[in-house]
């Protein structure tokens, strides 16, 4: 993997770079272990007076900035 990155860093021929990039992608998708570095916790708000909230479990990137309570 490191050797491929090193070759990609100095290779200037487009066809050779394309071949090296394909090798890198193939190696990265098969030989590199996937290690989860974080565990995201999901939450959902519920209440009759809570407005503009998400009901889905996939809340990545969402905020509560637009959530409001109806009186």
C-alpha atoms as a PDB file:
ATOM      1  CA  UNK A   1       0.000   0.000   0.000  1.00  0.00           C
ATOM      2  CA  UNK A   2       2.736   2.470   0.973  1.00  0.00           C
ATOM      3  CA  UNK A   3       4.733   1.542  -2.110  1.00  0.00           C
ATOM      4  CA  UNK A   4       1.748   2.268  -4.355  1.00  0.00           C
ATOM      5  CA  UNK A   5       1.195   5.642  -2.712  1.00  0.00           C
ATOM      6  CA  UNK A   6       4.865   6.448  -3.215  1.00  0.00           C
ATOM      7  CA  UNK A   7       4.688   5.519  -6.889  1.00  0.00           C
ATOM      8  CA  UNK A   8       1.513   7.555  -7.366  1.00  0.00           C
ATOM      9  CA  UNK A   9       3.219  10.565  -5.805  1.00  0.00           C
ATOM     10  CA  UNK A  10       5.945  10.663  -8.462  1.00  0.00           C
ATOM     11  CA  UNK A  11       4.330   9.109 -11.548  1.00  0.00           C
ATOM     12  CA  UNK A  12       3.487  11.684 -14.224  1.00  0.00           C
ATOM     13  CA  UNK A  13       2.263   9.522 -17.110  1.00  0.00           C
ATOM     14  CA  UNK A  14      -1.568   9.558 -17.083  1.00  0.00           C
ATOM     15  CA  UNK A  15      -1.975   5.913 -18.130  1.00  0.00           C
ATOM     16  CA  UNK A  16       0.536   4.702 -15.554  1.00  0.00           C
ATOM     17  CA  UNK A  17      -1.134   6.822 -12.833  1.00  0.00           C
ATOM     18  CA  UNK A  18      -4.508   5.367 -13.798  1.00  0.00           C
ATOM     19  CA  UNK A  19      -3.143   1.826 -13.494  1.00  0.00           C
ATOM     20  CA  UNK A  20      -1.529   2.586 -10.122  1.00  0.00           C
ATOM     21  CA  UNK A  21      -4.751   4.181  -8.863  1.00  0.00           C
ATOM     22  CA  UNK A  22      -6.705   1.095  -9.919  1.00  0.00           C
ATOM     23  CA  UNK A  23      -4.243  -1.135  -8.054  1.00  0.00           C
ATOM     24  CA  UNK A  24      -4.549   1.092  -4.990  1.00  0.00           C
ATOM     25  CA  UNK A  25      -8.359   0.976  -5.102  1.00  0.00           C
ATOM     26  CA  UNK A  26      -8.360  -2.811  -5.493  1.00  0.00           C
ATOM     27  CA  UNK A  27      -5.918  -3.258  -2.615  1.00  0.00           C
ATOM     28  CA  UNK A  28      -7.755  -0.777  -0.386  1.00  0.00           C
ATOM     29  CA  UNK A  29     -11.084  -2.527  -0.930  1.00  0.00           C
ATOM     30  CA  UNK A  30      -9.771  -6.012  -0.176  1.00  0.00           C
ATOM     31  CA  UNK A  31      -6.725  -5.853   2.085  1.00  0.00           C
ATOM     32  CA  UNK A  32      -7.309  -2.909   4.397  1.00  0.00           C
ATOM     33  CA  UNK A  33      -9.299  -3.790   7.518  1.00  0.00           C
ATOM     34  CA  UNK A  34     -12.269  -1.651   8.398  1.00  0.00           C
ATOM     35  CA  UNK A  35     -12.087  -0.447  11.970  1.00  0.00           C
ATOM     36  CA  UNK A  36     -14.968   1.636  13.292  1.00  0.00           C
ATOM     37  CA  UNK A  37     -13.374   4.599  15.032  1.00  0.00           C
ATOM     38  CA  UNK A  38     -16.547   6.063  16.458  1.00  0.00           C
ATOM     39  CA  UNK A  39     -19.981   4.870  17.438  1.00  0.00           C
ATOM     40  CA  UNK A  40     -22.711   7.369  16.761  1.00  0.00           C
ATOM     41  CA  UNK A  41     -25.735   7.494  18.996  1.00  0.00           C
ATOM     42  CA  UNK A  42     -29.048   8.304  17.371  1.00  0.00           C
ATOM     43  CA  UNK A  43     -31.977   9.897  19.093  1.00  0.00           C
ATOM     44  CA  UNK A  44     -35.456  10.985  18.147  1.00  0.00           C
ATOM     45  CA  UNK A  45     -37.506  13.649  19.853  1.00  0.00           C
ATOM     46  CA  UNK A  46     -41.143  13.017  20.507  1.00  0.00           C
ATOM     47  CA  UNK A  47     -43.875  15.210  21.839  1.00  0.00           C
ATOM     48  CA  UNK A  48     -47.050  16.865  20.654  1.00  0.00           C
ATOM     49  CA  UNK A  49     -45.541  20.333  20.862  1.00  0.00           C
ATOM     50  CA  UNK A  50     -42.111  19.589  19.299  1.00  0.00           C
ATOM     51  CA  UNK A  51     -41.882  20.876  15.721  1.00  0.00           C
ATOM     52  CA  UNK A  52     -39.402  20.616  12.855  1.00  0.00           C
ATOM     53  CA  UNK A  53     -37.520  17.556  14.096  1.00  0.00           C
ATOM     54  CA  UNK A  54     -36.362  14.453  12.288  1.00  0.00           C
ATOM     55  CA  UNK A  55     -38.090  11.133  12.777  1.00  0.00           C
ATOM     56  CA  UNK A  56     -35.422   9.039  11.098  1.00  0.00           C
ATOM     57  CA  UNK A  57     -32.687   7.121  12.884  1.00  0.00           C
ATOM     58  CA  UNK A  58     -30.011   8.342  10.480  1.00  0.00           C
ATOM     59  CA  UNK A  59     -29.298  11.757  11.963  1.00  0.00           C
ATOM     60  CA  UNK A  60     -25.717  12.235  10.791  1.00  0.00           C
ATOM     61  CA  UNK A  61     -25.038  15.862  10.095  1.00  0.00           C
ATOM     62  CA  UNK A  62     -28.405  17.024  11.353  1.00  0.00           C
ATOM     63  CA  UNK A  63     -28.759  19.506  14.182  1.00  0.00           C
ATOM     64  CA  UNK A  64     -31.493  20.660  16.498  1.00  0.00           C
ATOM     65  CA  UNK A  65     -30.990  24.272  15.393  1.00  0.00           C
ATOM     66  CA  UNK A  66     -34.407  24.438  13.715  1.00  0.00           C
ATOM     67  CA  UNK A  67     -36.389  22.496  16.322  1.00  0.00           C
ATOM     68  CA  UNK A  68     -38.930  24.522  18.246  1.00  0.00           C
ATOM     69  CA  UNK A  69     -41.707  23.999  20.768  1.00  0.00           C
ATOM     70  CA  UNK A  70     -45.238  25.042  19.955  1.00  0.00           C
ATOM     71  CA  UNK A  71     -47.029  26.714  22.843  1.00  0.00           C
END
